[in-house]
Amino acid sequence: SDIEASRSAWAAMLGLPEPEISVTDTLDT
């Protein structure tokens, strides 16, 4: 439900940097 919070939690657990967030393309693409 909250990618920023989930990304931070996973990064802390895995000991990895937080990955970039991307957004899927719009319907026309």
mmCIF file of all heavy atoms, coordinates in Angstrom:
data_MODEL
# 
_entry.id   MODEL 
# 
loop_
_atom_site.group_PDB 
_atom_site.id 
_atom_site.type_symbol 
_atom_site.label_atom_id 
_atom_site.label_alt_id 
_atom_site.label_comp_id 
_atom_site.label_asym_id 
_atom_site.label_entity_id 
_atom_site.label_seq_id 
_atom_site.pdbx_PDB_ins_code 
_atom_site.Cartn_x 
_atom_site.Cartn_y 
_atom_site.Cartn_z 
_atom_site.occupancy 
_atom_site.B_iso_or_equiv 
_atom_site.pdbx_formal_charge 
_atom_site.auth_seq_id 
_atom_site.auth_comp_id 
_atom_site.auth_asym_id 
_atom_site.auth_atom_id 
_atom_site.pdbx_PDB_model_num 
ATOM 1   N N   . SER A 1 1  ? 0.812  -1.213 0.000   1.00 0.00 ? 1  SER A N   1 
ATOM 2   C CA  . SER A 1 1  ? 0.000  0.000  0.000   1.00 0.00 ? 1  SER A CA  1 
ATOM 3   C C   . SER A 1 1  ? 0.847  1.265  0.000   1.00 0.00 ? 1  SER A C   1 
ATOM 4   O O   . SER A 1 1  ? 0.373  2.314  -0.431  1.00 0.00 ? 1  SER A O   1 
ATOM 5   C CB  . SER A 1 1  ? -0.948 0.008  1.207   1.00 0.00 ? 1  SER A CB  1 
ATOM 6   O OG  . SER A 1 1  ? -0.212 -0.079 2.412   1.00 0.00 ? 1  SER A OG  1 
ATOM 7   N N   . ASP A 1 2  ? 2.095  1.173  0.468   1.00 0.00 ? 2  ASP A N   1 
ATOM 8   C CA  . ASP A 1 2  ? 2.984  2.333  0.538   1.00 0.00 ? 2  ASP A CA  1 
ATOM 9   C C   . ASP A 1 2  ? 4.380  1.874  0.113   1.00 0.00 ? 2  ASP A C   1 
ATOM 10  O O   . ASP A 1 2  ? 5.115  1.293  0.903   1.00 0.00 ? 2  ASP A O   1 
ATOM 11  C CB  . ASP A 1 2  ? 3.001  2.887  1.960   1.00 0.00 ? 2  ASP A CB  1 
ATOM 12  C CG  . ASP A 1 2  ? 3.916  4.085  2.143   1.00 0.00 ? 2  ASP A CG  1 
ATOM 13  O OD1 . ASP A 1 2  ? 4.806  4.324  1.292   1.00 0.00 ? 2  ASP A OD1 1 
ATOM 14  O OD2 . ASP A 1 2  ? 3.748  4.792  3.156   1.00 0.00 ? 2  ASP A OD2 1 
ATOM 15  N N   . ILE A 1 3  ? 4.719  2.106  -1.137  1.00 0.00 ? 3  ILE A N   1 
ATOM 16  C CA  . ILE A 1 3  ? 5.966  1.573  -1.670  1.00 0.00 ? 3  ILE A CA  1 
ATOM 17  C C   . ILE A 1 3  ? 7.198  2.174  -0.992  1.00 0.00 ? 3  ILE A C   1 
ATOM 18  O O   . ILE A 1 3  ? 8.202  1.480  -0.821  1.00 0.00 ? 3  ILE A O   1 
ATOM 19  C CB  . ILE A 1 3  ? 6.027  1.700  -3.209  1.00 0.00 ? 3  ILE A CB  1 
ATOM 20  C CG1 . ILE A 1 3  ? 7.068  0.723  -3.774  1.00 0.00 ? 3  ILE A CG1 1 
ATOM 21  C CG2 . ILE A 1 3  ? 6.283  3.128  -3.636  1.00 0.00 ? 3  ILE A CG2 1 
ATOM 22  C CD1 . ILE A 1 3  ? 6.951  0.461  -5.243  1.00 0.00 ? 3  ILE A CD1 1 
ATOM 23  N N   . GLU A 1 4  ? 7.127  3.439  -0.588  1.00 0.00 ? 4  GLU A N   1 
ATOM 24  C CA  . GLU A 1 4  ? 8.282  4.032  0.088   1.00 0.00 ? 4  GLU A CA  1 
ATOM 25  C C   . GLU A 1 4  ? 8.566  3.317  1.411   1.00 0.00 ? 4  GLU A C   1 
ATOM 26  O O   . GLU A 1 4  ? 9.701  2.965  1.712   1.00 0.00 ? 4  GLU A O   1 
ATOM 27  C CB  . GLU A 1 4  ? 8.094  5.537  0.324   1.00 0.00 ? 4  GLU A CB  1 
ATOM 28  C CG  . GLU A 1 4  ? 8.316  6.386  -0.900  1.00 0.00 ? 4  GLU A CG  1 
ATOM 29  C CD  . GLU A 1 4  ? 7.047  6.580  -1.728  1.00 0.00 ? 4  GLU A CD  1 
ATOM 30  O OE1 . GLU A 1 4  ? 5.967  6.047  -1.355  1.00 0.00 ? 4  GLU A OE1 1 
ATOM 31  O OE2 . GLU A 1 4  ? 7.131  7.257  -2.770  1.00 0.00 ? 4  GLU A OE2 1 
ATOM 32  N N   . ALA A 1 5  ? 7.526  3.094  2.210   1.00 0.00 ? 5  ALA A N   1 
ATOM 33  C CA  . ALA A 1 5  ? 7.699  2.414  3.495   1.00 0.00 ? 5  ALA A CA  1 
ATOM 34  C C   . ALA A 1 5  ? 8.141  0.963  3.295   1.00 0.00 ? 5  ALA A C   1 
ATOM 35  O O   . ALA A 1 5  ? 9.040  0.486  3.996   1.00 0.00 ? 5  ALA A O   1 
ATOM 36  C CB  . ALA A 1 5  ? 6.403  2.468  4.301   1.00 0.00 ? 5  ALA A CB  1 
ATOM 37  N N   . SER A 1 6  ? 7.536  0.280  2.352   1.00 0.00 ? 6  SER A N   1 
ATOM 38  C CA  . SER A 1 6  ? 7.904  -1.120 2.094   1.00 0.00 ? 6  SER A CA  1 
ATOM 39  C C   . SER A 1 6  ? 9.326  -1.229 1.567   1.00 0.00 ? 6  SER A C   1 
ATOM 40  O O   . SER A 1 6  ? 10.088 -2.115 1.980   1.00 0.00 ? 6  SER A O   1 
ATOM 41  C CB  . SER A 1 6  ? 6.929  -1.754 1.104   1.00 0.00 ? 6  SER A CB  1 
ATOM 42  O OG  . SER A 1 6  ? 5.642  -1.833 1.673   1.00 0.00 ? 6  SER A OG  1 
ATOM 43  N N   . ARG A 1 7  ? 9.681  -0.331 0.676   1.00 0.00 ? 7  ARG A N   1 
ATOM 44  C CA  . ARG A 1 7  ? 11.038 -0.318 0.120   1.00 0.00 ? 7  ARG A CA  1 
ATOM 45  C C   . ARG A 1 7  ? 12.059 -0.120 1.240   1.00 0.00 ? 7  ARG A C   1 
ATOM 46  O O   . ARG A 1 7  ? 13.083 -0.807 1.291   1.00 0.00 ? 7  ARG A O   1 
ATOM 47  C CB  . ARG A 1 7  ? 11.145 0.782  -0.933  1.00 0.00 ? 7  ARG A CB  1 
ATOM 48  C CG  . ARG A 1 7  ? 12.537 0.992  -1.493  1.00 0.00 ? 7  ARG A CG  1 
ATOM 49  C CD  . ARG A 1 7  ? 12.570 2.097  -2.499  1.00 0.00 ? 7  ARG A CD  1 
ATOM 50  N NE  . ARG A 1 7  ? 12.354 3.405  -1.862  1.00 0.00 ? 7  ARG A NE  1 
ATOM 51  C CZ  . ARG A 1 7  ? 12.581 4.564  -2.444  1.00 0.00 ? 7  ARG A CZ  1 
ATOM 52  N NH1 . ARG A 1 7  ? 13.043 4.605  -3.682  1.00 0.00 ? 7  ARG A NH1 1 
ATOM 53  N NH2 . ARG A 1 7  ? 12.353 5.686  -1.813  1.00 0.00 ? 7  ARG A NH2 1 
ATOM 54  N N   . SER A 1 8  ? 11.798 0.792  2.148   1.00 0.00 ? 8  SER A N   1 
ATOM 55  C CA  . SER A 1 8  ? 12.704 1.041  3.266   1.00 0.00 ? 8  SER A CA  1 
ATOM 56  C C   . SER A 1 8  ? 12.820 -0.179 4.175   1.00 0.00 ? 8  SER A C   1 
ATOM 57  O O   . SER A 1 8  ? 13.924 -0.539 4.605   1.00 0.00 ? 8  SER A O   1 
ATOM 58  C CB  . SER A 1 8  ? 12.236 2.244  4.087   1.00 0.00 ? 8  SER A CB  1 
ATOM 59  O OG  . SER A 1 8  ? 12.335 3.418  3.328   1.00 0.00 ? 8  SER A OG  1 
ATOM 60  N N   . ALA A 1 9  ? 11.693 -0.810 4.468   1.00 0.00 ? 9  ALA A N   1 
ATOM 61  C CA  . ALA A 1 9  ? 11.698 -1.990 5.338   1.00 0.00 ? 9  ALA A CA  1 
ATOM 62  C C   . ALA A 1 9  ? 12.472 -3.137 4.703   1.00 0.00 ? 9  ALA A C   1 
ATOM 63  O O   . ALA A 1 9  ? 13.292 -3.797 5.363   1.00 0.00 ? 9  ALA A O   1 
ATOM 64  C CB  . ALA A 1 9  ? 10.268 -2.416 5.660   1.00 0.00 ? 9  ALA A CB  1 
ATOM 65  N N   . TRP A 1 10 ? 12.222 -3.400 3.419   1.00 0.00 ? 10 TRP A N   1 
ATOM 66  C CA  . TRP A 1 10 ? 12.941 -4.480 2.725   1.00 0.00 ? 10 TRP A CA  1 
ATOM 67  C C   . TRP A 1 10 ? 14.433 -4.163 2.641   1.00 0.00 ? 10 TRP A C   1 
ATOM 68  O O   . TRP A 1 10 ? 15.271 -5.047 2.838   1.00 0.00 ? 10 TRP A O   1 
ATOM 69  C CB  . TRP A 1 10 ? 12.358 -4.706 1.328   1.00 0.00 ? 10 TRP A CB  1 
ATOM 70  C CG  . TRP A 1 10 ? 11.156 -5.607 1.340   1.00 0.00 ? 10 TRP A CG  1 
ATOM 71  C CD1 . TRP A 1 10 ? 9.847  -5.231 1.410   1.00 0.00 ? 10 TRP A CD1 1 
ATOM 72  C CD2 . TRP A 1 10 ? 11.158 -7.028 1.304   1.00 0.00 ? 10 TRP A CD2 1 
ATOM 73  N NE1 . TRP A 1 10 ? 9.038  -6.335 1.401   1.00 0.00 ? 10 TRP A NE1 1 
ATOM 74  C CE2 . TRP A 1 10 ? 9.812  -7.452 1.338   1.00 0.00 ? 10 TRP A CE2 1 
ATOM 75  C CE3 . TRP A 1 10 ? 12.160 -7.987 1.230   1.00 0.00 ? 10 TRP A CE3 1 
ATOM 76  C CZ2 . TRP A 1 10 ? 9.443  -8.794 1.312   1.00 0.00 ? 10 TRP A CZ2 1 
ATOM 77  C CZ3 . TRP A 1 10 ? 11.800 -9.331 1.197   1.00 0.00 ? 10 TRP A CZ3 1 
ATOM 78  C CH2 . TRP A 1 10 ? 10.453 -9.724 1.238   1.00 0.00 ? 10 TRP A CH2 1 
ATOM 79  N N   . ALA A 1 11 ? 14.780 -2.932 2.335   1.00 0.00 ? 11 ALA A N   1 
ATOM 80  C CA  . ALA A 1 11 ? 16.193 -2.549 2.229   1.00 0.00 ? 11 ALA A CA  1 
ATOM 81  C C   . ALA A 1 11 ? 16.903 -2.763 3.563   1.00 0.00 ? 11 ALA A C   1 
ATOM 82  O O   . ALA A 1 11 ? 18.019 -3.297 3.607   1.00 0.00 ? 11 ALA A O   1 
ATOM 83  C CB  . ALA A 1 11 ? 16.326 -1.099 1.773   1.00 0.00 ? 11 ALA A CB  1 
ATOM 84  N N   . ALA A 1 12 ? 16.261 -2.363 4.664   1.00 0.00 ? 12 ALA A N   1 
ATOM 85  C CA  . ALA A 1 12 ? 16.867 -2.533 5.988   1.00 0.00 ? 12 ALA A CA  1 
ATOM 86  C C   . ALA A 1 12 ? 17.041 -4.016 6.313   1.00 0.00 ? 12 ALA A C   1 
ATOM 87  O O   . ALA A 1 12 ? 18.096 -4.433 6.810   1.00 0.00 ? 12 ALA A O   1 
ATOM 88  C CB  . ALA A 1 12 ? 16.009 -1.846 7.046   1.00 0.00 ? 12 ALA A CB  1 
ATOM 89  N N   . MET A 1 13 ? 16.025 -4.828 6.019   1.00 0.00 ? 13 MET A N   1 
ATOM 90  C CA  . MET A 1 13 ? 16.108 -6.253 6.309   1.00 0.00 ? 13 MET A CA  1 
ATOM 91  C C   . MET A 1 13 ? 17.187 -6.939 5.470   1.00 0.00 ? 13 MET A C   1 
ATOM 92  O O   . MET A 1 13 ? 17.948 -7.762 5.961   1.00 0.00 ? 13 MET A O   1 
ATOM 93  C CB  . MET A 1 13 ? 14.766 -6.946 6.058   1.00 0.00 ? 13 MET A CB  1 
ATOM 94  C CG  . MET A 1 13 ? 14.815 -8.441 6.361   1.00 0.00 ? 13 MET A CG  1 
ATOM 95  S SD  . MET A 1 13 ? 13.323 -9.323 5.901   1.00 0.00 ? 13 MET A SD  1 
ATOM 96  C CE  . MET A 1 13 ? 13.344 -9.202 4.129   1.00 0.00 ? 13 MET A CE  1 
ATOM 97  N N   . LEU A 1 14 ? 17.266 -6.577 4.184   1.00 0.00 ? 14 LEU A N   1 
ATOM 98  C CA  . LEU A 1 14 ? 18.224 -7.212 3.274   1.00 0.00 ? 14 LEU A CA  1 
ATOM 99  C C   . LEU A 1 14 ? 19.627 -6.627 3.378   1.00 0.00 ? 14 LEU A C   1 
ATOM 100 O O   . LEU A 1 14 ? 20.589 -7.220 2.886   1.00 0.00 ? 14 LEU A O   1 
ATOM 101 C CB  . LEU A 1 14 ? 17.728 -7.088 1.822   1.00 0.00 ? 14 LEU A CB  1 
ATOM 102 C CG  . LEU A 1 14 ? 16.419 -7.806 1.499   1.00 0.00 ? 14 LEU A CG  1 
ATOM 103 C CD1 . LEU A 1 14 ? 15.924 -7.391 0.120   1.00 0.00 ? 14 LEU A CD1 1 
ATOM 104 C CD2 . LEU A 1 14 ? 16.589 -9.317 1.590   1.00 0.00 ? 14 LEU A CD2 1 
ATOM 105 N N   . GLY A 1 15 ? 19.748 -5.454 3.984   1.00 0.00 ? 15 GLY A N   1 
ATOM 106 C CA  . GLY A 1 15 ? 21.044 -4.791 4.049   1.00 0.00 ? 15 GLY A CA  1 
ATOM 107 C C   . GLY A 1 15 ? 21.482 -4.264 2.694   1.00 0.00 ? 15 GLY A C   1 
ATOM 108 O O   . GLY A 1 15 ? 22.667 -4.249 2.366   1.00 0.00 ? 15 GLY A O   1 
ATOM 109 N N   . LEU A 1 16 ? 20.507 -3.809 1.907   1.00 0.00 ? 16 LEU A N   1 
ATOM 110 C CA  . LEU A 1 16 ? 20.766 -3.296 0.560   1.00 0.00 ? 16 LEU A CA  1 
ATOM 111 C C   . LEU A 1 16 ? 20.288 -1.852 0.453   1.00 0.00 ? 16 LEU A C   1 
ATOM 112 O O   . LEU A 1 16 ? 19.419 -1.424 1.212   1.00 0.00 ? 16 LEU A O   1 
ATOM 113 C CB  . LEU A 1 16 ? 20.030 -4.147 -0.484  1.00 0.00 ? 16 LEU A CB  1 
ATOM 114 C CG  . LEU A 1 16 ? 20.479 -5.595 -0.626  1.00 0.00 ? 16 LEU A CG  1 
ATOM 115 C CD1 . LEU A 1 16 ? 19.538 -6.339 -1.560  1.00 0.00 ? 16 LEU A CD1 1 
ATOM 116 C CD2 . LEU A 1 16 ? 21.911 -5.657 -1.132  1.00 0.00 ? 16 LEU A CD2 1 
ATOM 117 N N   . PRO A 1 17 ? 20.819 -1.116 -0.530  1.00 0.00 ? 17 PRO A N   1 
ATOM 118 C CA  . PRO A 1 17 ? 20.293 0.242  -0.750  1.00 0.00 ? 17 PRO A CA  1 
ATOM 119 C C   . PRO A 1 17 ? 18.862 0.177  -1.283  1.00 0.00 ? 17 PRO A C   1 
ATOM 120 O O   . PRO A 1 17 ? 18.454 -0.816 -1.889  1.00 0.00 ? 17 PRO A O   1 
ATOM 121 C CB  . PRO A 1 17 ? 21.244 0.836  -1.788  1.00 0.00 ? 17 PRO A CB  1 
ATOM 122 C CG  . PRO A 1 17 ? 21.985 -0.301 -2.371  1.00 0.00 ? 17 PRO A CG  1 
ATOM 123 C CD  . PRO A 1 17 ? 21.918 -1.447 -1.422  1.00 0.00 ? 17 PRO A CD  1 
ATOM 124 N N   . GLU A 1 18 ? 18.132 1.242  -1.051  1.00 0.00 ? 18 GLU A N   1 
ATOM 125 C CA  . GLU A 1 18 ? 16.766 1.312  -1.573  1.00 0.00 ? 18 GLU A CA  1 
ATOM 126 C C   . GLU A 1 18 ? 16.814 1.470  -3.093  1.00 0.00 ? 18 GLU A C   1 
ATOM 127 O O   . GLU A 1 18 ? 17.488 2.372  -3.597  1.00 0.00 ? 18 GLU A O   1 
ATOM 128 C CB  . GLU A 1 18 ? 16.011 2.481  -0.951  1.00 0.00 ? 18 GLU A CB  1 
ATOM 129 C CG  . GLU A 1 18 ? 15.758 2.301  0.524   1.00 0.00 ? 18 GLU A CG  1 
ATOM 130 C CD  . GLU A 1 18 ? 14.932 3.423  1.125   1.00 0.00 ? 18 GLU A CD  1 
ATOM 131 O OE1 . GLU A 1 18 ? 14.393 4.266  0.373   1.00 0.00 ? 18 GLU A OE1 1 
ATOM 132 O OE2 . GLU A 1 18 ? 14.832 3.449  2.367   1.00 0.00 ? 18 GLU A OE2 1 
ATOM 133 N N   . PRO A 1 19 ? 16.091 0.624  -3.816  1.00 0.00 ? 19 PRO A N   1 
ATOM 134 C CA  . PRO A 1 19 ? 16.081 0.756  -5.283  1.00 0.00 ? 19 PRO A CA  1 
ATOM 135 C C   . PRO A 1 19 ? 15.223 1.933  -5.732  1.00 0.00 ? 19 PRO A C   1 
ATOM 136 O O   . PRO A 1 19 ? 14.386 2.436  -4.990  1.00 0.00 ? 19 PRO A O   1 
ATOM 137 C CB  . PRO A 1 19 ? 15.463 -0.568 -5.743  1.00 0.00 ? 19 PRO A CB  1 
ATOM 138 C CG  . PRO A 1 19 ? 14.594 -0.988 -4.609  1.00 0.00 ? 19 PRO A CG  1 
ATOM 139 C CD  . PRO A 1 19 ? 15.287 -0.497 -3.357  1.00 0.00 ? 19 PRO A CD  1 
ATOM 140 N N   . GLU A 1 20 ? 15.455 2.347  -6.976  1.00 0.00 ? 20 GLU A N   1 
ATOM 141 C CA  . GLU A 1 20 ? 14.639 3.397  -7.587  1.00 0.00 ? 20 GLU A CA  1 
ATOM 142 C C   . GLU A 1 20 ? 13.195 2.898  -7.707  1.00 0.00 ? 20 GLU A C   1 
ATOM 143 O O   . GLU A 1 20 ? 12.949 1.704  -7.819  1.00 0.00 ? 20 GLU A O   1 
ATOM 144 C CB  . GLU A 1 20 ? 15.161 3.732  -8.986  1.00 0.00 ? 20 GLU A CB  1 
ATOM 145 C CG  . GLU A 1 20 ? 16.531 4.358  -8.998  1.00 0.00 ? 20 GLU A CG  1 
ATOM 146 C CD  . GLU A 1 20 ? 16.544 5.744  -8.386  1.00 0.00 ? 20 GLU A CD  1 
ATOM 147 O OE1 . GLU A 1 20 ? 15.596 6.510  -8.618  1.00 0.00 ? 20 GLU A OE1 1 
ATOM 148 O OE2 . GLU A 1 20 ? 17.513 6.040  -7.658  1.00 0.00 ? 20 GLU A OE2 1 
ATOM 149 N N   . ILE A 1 21 ? 12.272 3.828  -7.712  1.00 0.00 ? 21 ILE A N   1 
ATOM 150 C CA  . ILE A 1 21 ? 10.862 3.526  -7.952  1.00 0.00 ? 21 ILE A CA  1 
ATOM 151 C C   . ILE A 1 21 ? 10.534 3.977  -9.364  1.00 0.00 ? 21 ILE A C   1 
ATOM 152 O O   . ILE A 1 21 ? 10.860 5.094  -9.762  1.00 0.00 ? 21 ILE A O   1 
ATOM 153 C CB  . ILE A 1 21 ? 9.963  4.244  -6.932  1.00 0.00 ? 21 ILE A CB  1 
ATOM 154 C CG1 . ILE A 1 21 ? 10.228 3.686  -5.534  1.00 0.00 ? 21 ILE A CG1 1 
ATOM 155 C CG2 . ILE A 1 21 ? 8.489  4.089  -7.319  1.00 0.00 ? 21 ILE A CG2 1 
ATOM 156 C CD1 . ILE A 1 21 ? 9.523  4.445  -4.425  1.00 0.00 ? 21 ILE A CD1 1 
ATOM 157 N N   . SER A 1 22 ? 9.908  3.098  -10.124 1.00 0.00 ? 22 SER A N   1 
ATOM 158 C CA  . SER A 1 22 ? 9.461  3.440  -11.471 1.00 0.00 ? 22 SER A CA  1 
ATOM 159 C C   . SER A 1 22 ? 7.934  3.338  -11.515 1.00 0.00 ? 22 SER A C   1 
ATOM 160 O O   . SER A 1 22 ? 7.318  2.748  -10.627 1.00 0.00 ? 22 SER A O   1 
ATOM 161 C CB  . SER A 1 22 ? 10.087 2.514  -12.515 1.00 0.00 ? 22 SER A CB  1 
ATOM 162 O OG  . SER A 1 22 ? 9.681  1.175  -12.292 1.00 0.00 ? 22 SER A OG  1 
ATOM 163 N N   . VAL A 1 23 ? 7.351  3.917  -12.552 1.00 0.00 ? 23 VAL A N   1 
ATOM 164 C CA  . VAL A 1 23 ? 5.899  3.875  -12.737 1.00 0.00 ? 23 VAL A CA  1 
ATOM 165 C C   . VAL A 1 23 ? 5.618  3.243  -14.085 1.00 0.00 ? 23 VAL A C   1 
ATOM 166 O O   . VAL A 1 23 ? 6.271  3.572  -15.089 1.00 0.00 ? 23 VAL A O   1 
ATOM 167 C CB  . VAL A 1 23 ? 5.283  5.294  -12.659 1.00 0.00 ? 23 VAL A CB  1 
ATOM 168 C CG1 . VAL A 1 23 ? 3.781  5.245  -12.864 1.00 0.00 ? 23 VAL A CG1 1 
ATOM 169 C CG2 . VAL A 1 23 ? 5.621  5.954  -11.325 1.00 0.00 ? 23 VAL A CG2 1 
ATOM 170 N N   . THR A 1 24 ? 4.656  2.317  -14.107 1.00 0.00 ? 24 THR A N   1 
ATOM 171 C CA  . THR A 1 24 ? 4.302  1.674  -15.362 1.00 0.00 ? 24 THR A CA  1 
ATOM 172 C C   . THR A 1 24 ? 3.758  2.705  -16.349 1.00 0.00 ? 24 THR A C   1 
ATOM 173 O O   . THR A 1 24 ? 3.277  3.772  -15.950 1.00 0.00 ? 24 THR A O   1 
ATOM 174 C CB  . THR A 1 24 ? 3.268  0.553  -15.144 1.00 0.00 ? 24 THR A CB  1 
ATOM 175 O OG1 . THR A 1 24 ? 2.090  1.096  -14.549 1.00 0.00 ? 24 THR A OG1 1 
ATOM 176 C CG2 . THR A 1 24 ? 3.836  -0.560 -14.268 1.00 0.00 ? 24 THR A CG2 1 
ATOM 177 N N   . ASP A 1 25 ? 3.825  2.357  -17.609 1.00 0.00 ? 25 ASP A N   1 
ATOM 178 C CA  . ASP A 1 25 ? 3.382  3.266  -18.663 1.00 0.00 ? 25 ASP A CA  1 
ATOM 179 C C   . ASP A 1 25 ? 1.864  3.458  -18.654 1.00 0.00 ? 25 ASP A C   1 
ATOM 180 O O   . ASP A 1 25 ? 1.114  2.636  -18.121 1.00 0.00 ? 25 ASP A O   1 
ATOM 181 C CB  . ASP A 1 25 ? 3.807  2.731  -20.032 1.00 0.00 ? 25 ASP A CB  1 
ATOM 182 C CG  . ASP A 1 25 ? 5.293  2.860  -20.270 1.00 0.00 ? 25 ASP A CG  1 
ATOM 183 O OD1 . ASP A 1 25 ? 5.895  3.850  -19.811 1.00 0.00 ? 25 ASP A OD1 1 
ATOM 184 O OD2 . ASP A 1 25 ? 5.861  1.961  -20.920 1.00 0.00 ? 25 ASP A OD2 1 
ATOM 185 N N   . THR A 1 26 ? 1.434  4.517  -19.304 1.00 0.00 ? 26 THR A N   1 
ATOM 186 C CA  . THR A 1 26 ? 0.012  4.815  -19.444 1.00 0.00 ? 26 THR A CA  1 
ATOM 187 C C   . THR A 1 26 ? -0.624 3.859  -20.446 1.00 0.00 ? 26 THR A C   1 
ATOM 188 O O   . THR A 1 26 ? 0.056  3.156  -21.197 1.00 0.00 ? 26 THR A O   1 
ATOM 189 C CB  . THR A 1 26 ? -0.188 6.269  -19.907 1.00 0.00 ? 26 THR A CB  1 
ATOM 190 O OG1 . THR A 1 26 ? 0.526  6.458  -21.130 1.00 0.00 ? 26 THR A OG1 1 
ATOM 191 C CG2 . THR A 1 26 ? 0.305  7.249  -18.866 1.00 0.00 ? 26 THR A CG2 1 
ATOM 192 N N   . LEU A 1 27 ? -1.939 3.835  -20.457 1.00 0.00 ? 27 LEU A N   1 
ATOM 193 C CA  . LEU A 1 27 ? -2.703 2.924  -21.310 1.00 0.00 ? 27 LEU A CA  1 
ATOM 194 C C   . LEU A 1 27 ? -2.293 3.016  -22.774 1.00 0.00 ? 27 LEU A C   1 
ATOM 195 O O   . LEU A 1 27 ? -2.166 1.996  -23.454 1.00 0.00 ? 27 LEU A O   1 
ATOM 196 C CB  . LEU A 1 27 ? -4.204 3.204  -21.159 1.00 0.00 ? 27 LEU A CB  1 
ATOM 197 C CG  . LEU A 1 27 ? -5.144 2.399  -22.058 1.00 0.00 ? 27 LEU A CG  1 
ATOM 198 C CD1 . LEU A 1 27 ? -5.010 0.906  -21.801 1.00 0.00 ? 27 LEU A CD1 1 
ATOM 199 C CD2 . LEU A 1 27 ? -6.583 2.855  -21.849 1.00 0.00 ? 27 LEU A CD2 1 
ATOM 200 N N   . ASP A 1 28 ? -2.049 4.218  -23.287 1.00 0.00 ? 28 ASP A N   1 
ATOM 201 C CA  . ASP A 1 28 ? -1.730 4.366  -24.706 1.00 0.00 ? 28 ASP A CA  1 
ATOM 202 C C   . ASP A 1 28 ? -0.421 3.657  -25.073 1.00 0.00 ? 28 ASP A C   1 
ATOM 203 O O   . ASP A 1 28 ? -0.274 3.184  -26.199 1.00 0.00 ? 28 ASP A O   1 
ATOM 204 C CB  . ASP A 1 28 ? -1.688 5.839  -25.121 1.00 0.00 ? 28 ASP A CB  1 
ATOM 205 C CG  . ASP A 1 28 ? -0.651 6.647  -24.369 1.00 0.00 ? 28 ASP A CG  1 
ATOM 206 O OD1 . ASP A 1 28 ? -0.454 6.399  -23.160 1.00 0.00 ? 28 ASP A OD1 1 
ATOM 207 O OD2 . ASP A 1 28 ? -0.034 7.538  -24.979 1.00 0.00 ? 28 ASP A OD2 1 
ATOM 208 N N   . THR A 1 29 ? 0.511  3.539  -24.148 1.00 0.00 ? 29 THR A N   1 
ATOM 209 C CA  . THR A 1 29 ? 1.778  2.856  -24.404 1.00 0.00 ? 29 THR A CA  1 
ATOM 210 C C   . THR A 1 29 ? 1.723  1.398  -23.962 1.00 0.00 ? 29 THR A C   1 
ATOM 211 O O   . THR A 1 29 ? 2.125  0.502  -24.696 1.00 0.00 ? 29 THR A O   1 
ATOM 212 C CB  . THR A 1 29 ? 2.932  3.568  -23.667 1.00 0.00 ? 29 THR A CB  1 
ATOM 213 O OG1 . THR A 1 29 ? 3.001  4.914  -24.130 1.00 0.00 ? 29 THR A OG1 1 
ATOM 214 C CG2 . THR A 1 29 ? 4.261  2.874  -23.918 1.00 0.00 ? 29 THR A CG2 1 
# 
